[in-house]
């Protein structure tokens, strides 16, 4: 499998290499053969996507979009760095930890996980914690 790629239109130190490595850990663990693209963006851009595709006119933290398999990627994960920074403070996490949590969340959506019903939420959350724990352990 080719490695997942990370793109950013944001300034500052961001965990781009870690984001790609975490995504690849998840994809390997979930037996997916295609990489993903991860895009770090801001609230303004992710709000445009959220409005266009989910009909919710507000920023969100992460959006995942599946790709056609002939594109050579499983899909794309968009992460608002603005929202990640706010949530990191709210959750008592570092910005790096919050961004990686969102990478995991988005990657798992592309692997078929969802959180619309309670059992699905618990299953997805457990997978997020498993992979993030594996990745962050010393």
Protein backbone atom coordinates (compact mmCIF):
# COMPACT_ATOMS: atom_id res chain seq x y z
CA UNK A 1 0.00 0.00 0.00
CA UNK A 2 1.23 3.47 -0.82
CA UNK A 3 1.48 5.75 2.23
CA UNK A 4 -1.34 8.11 3.04
CA UNK A 5 -0.62 11.74 2.20
CA UNK A 6 -1.20 14.88 4.23
CA UNK A 7 -1.89 18.31 2.76
CA UNK A 8 -2.26 21.58 4.62
CA UNK A 9 -3.14 25.20 3.96
CA UNK A 10 -2.48 26.01 7.62
CA UNK A 11 0.53 27.65 9.26
CA UNK A 12 2.36 26.41 12.29
CA UNK A 13 3.76 23.11 13.40
CA UNK A 14 1.26 20.39 12.67
CA UNK A 15 1.71 16.63 13.08
CA UNK A 16 1.64 15.87 9.36
CA UNK A 17 4.00 12.89 9.44
CA UNK A 18 2.27 11.45 12.50
CA UNK A 19 -1.13 11.92 10.87
CA UNK A 20 -0.07 9.92 7.84
CA UNK A 21 1.51 7.19 9.94
CA UNK A 22 -1.56 6.88 12.18
CA UNK A 23 -3.83 6.68 9.14
CA UNK A 24 -1.67 3.91 7.69
CA UNK A 25 -1.70 2.01 11.00
CA UNK A 26 -5.50 2.12 10.99
CA UNK A 27 -5.82 1.18 7.32
CA UNK A 28 -3.48 -1.78 7.81
CA UNK A 29 -5.34 -2.87 10.94
CA UNK A 30 -8.65 -2.67 9.12
CA UNK A 31 -7.20 -4.54 6.11
CA UNK A 32 -7.65 -1.73 3.63
CA UNK A 33 -5.35 -1.72 0.64
CA UNK A 34 -5.64 1.91 -0.41
CA UNK A 35 -4.22 5.00 1.32
CA UNK A 36 -6.14 8.14 2.21
CA UNK A 37 -5.53 11.83 1.77
CA UNK A 38 -5.69 13.99 4.89
CA UNK A 39 -6.28 17.70 4.45
CA UNK A 40 -5.67 20.17 7.27
CA UNK A 41 -7.80 23.25 6.69
CA UNK A 42 -9.63 26.01 8.59
CA UNK A 43 -13.17 26.62 9.83
CA UNK A 44 -14.14 28.71 6.79
CA UNK A 45 -13.30 25.97 4.30
CA UNK A 46 -14.72 23.07 6.29
CA UNK A 47 -17.94 25.07 6.81
CA UNK A 48 -18.28 25.36 3.02
CA UNK A 49 -17.89 21.58 2.72
CA UNK A 50 -20.27 20.93 5.60
CA UNK A 51 -22.88 23.21 4.04
CA UNK A 52 -22.52 21.74 0.55
CA UNK A 53 -22.48 18.05 1.52
CA UNK A 54 -24.28 17.80 4.87
CA UNK A 55 -26.53 20.87 4.63
CA UNK A 56 -25.28 22.14 7.98
CA UNK A 57 -24.12 25.72 7.76
CA UNK A 58 -21.47 25.67 10.46
CA UNK A 59 -17.90 24.50 10.83
CA UNK A 60 -17.24 20.99 12.08
CA UNK A 61 -14.12 19.21 13.25
CA UNK A 62 -13.74 16.44 10.67
CA UNK A 63 -15.37 15.33 7.43
CA UNK A 64 -14.68 12.13 5.51
CA UNK A 65 -15.43 11.53 1.85
CA UNK A 66 -15.11 8.16 0.15
CA UNK A 67 -13.41 8.11 -3.23
CA UNK A 68 -13.97 6.02 -6.31
CA UNK A 69 -11.60 3.09 -5.98
CA UNK A 70 -10.12 3.81 -9.41
CA UNK A 71 -8.77 7.09 -7.97
CA UNK A 72 -6.16 5.08 -6.07
CA UNK A 73 -7.27 6.26 -2.62
CA UNK A 74 -9.91 5.08 -0.17
CA UNK A 75 -11.03 8.66 0.42
CA UNK A 76 -10.22 12.02 1.96
CA UNK A 77 -10.36 13.29 5.53
CA UNK A 78 -10.68 17.05 6.07
CA UNK A 79 -9.77 18.39 9.52
CA UNK A 80 -10.38 21.93 10.73
CA UNK A 81 -7.29 22.96 12.66
CA UNK A 82 -9.26 25.91 14.12
CA UNK A 83 -11.82 23.55 15.63
CA UNK A 84 -9.15 21.05 16.70
CA UNK A 85 -7.38 23.80 18.66
CA UNK A 86 -10.60 24.77 20.45
CA UNK A 87 -11.50 21.17 21.20
CA UNK A 88 -8.02 20.43 22.54
CA UNK A 89 -8.54 23.10 25.20
CA UNK A 90 -12.07 21.87 25.91
CA UNK A 91 -10.97 18.22 26.23
CA UNK A 92 -7.74 18.92 28.12
CA UNK A 93 -5.61 17.47 25.33
CA UNK A 94 -2.71 18.78 23.31
CA UNK A 95 -3.43 20.07 19.82
CA UNK A 96 -1.38 17.16 18.44
CA UNK A 97 -3.47 14.63 20.37
CA UNK A 98 -6.72 16.20 19.21
CA UNK A 99 -5.62 16.32 15.57
CA UNK A 100 -4.57 12.68 15.72
CA UNK A 101 -7.90 11.74 17.34
CA UNK A 102 -9.67 13.42 14.43
CA UNK A 103 -7.43 11.64 11.91
CA UNK A 104 -8.39 8.34 13.53
CA UNK A 105 -12.07 9.24 13.57
CA UNK A 106 -12.06 10.23 9.90
CA UNK A 107 -10.04 7.20 8.82
CA UNK A 108 -12.42 4.86 10.63
CA UNK A 109 -15.38 6.44 8.83
CA UNK A 110 -13.65 5.56 5.56
CA UNK A 111 -13.22 2.01 6.84
CA UNK A 112 -16.99 1.72 7.28
CA UNK A 113 -17.49 2.70 10.92
CA UNK A 114 -20.26 5.07 11.96
CA UNK A 115 -21.77 6.51 15.12
CA UNK A 116 -25.45 7.10 14.41
CA UNK A 117 -26.65 4.45 16.90
CA UNK A 118 -25.36 3.76 20.41
CA UNK A 119 -23.86 0.32 19.68
CA UNK A 120 -22.09 1.73 16.63
CA UNK A 121 -20.82 4.70 18.64
CA UNK A 122 -19.29 2.43 21.29
CA UNK A 123 -17.69 0.20 18.66
CA UNK A 124 -16.20 3.14 16.77
CA UNK A 125 -14.96 4.84 19.95
CA UNK A 126 -13.26 1.61 21.05
CA UNK A 127 -11.47 1.39 17.69
CA UNK A 128 -10.38 5.04 17.93
CA UNK A 129 -8.95 4.45 21.40
CA UNK A 130 -7.27 1.21 20.35
CA UNK A 131 -5.41 2.71 17.40
CA UNK A 132 -4.58 6.00 19.11
CA UNK A 133 -3.28 4.08 22.12
CA UNK A 134 -1.14 1.87 19.91
CA UNK A 135 0.24 4.88 18.11
CA UNK A 136 0.93 7.06 21.15
CA UNK A 137 2.37 4.38 23.43
CA UNK A 138 6.03 4.93 24.24
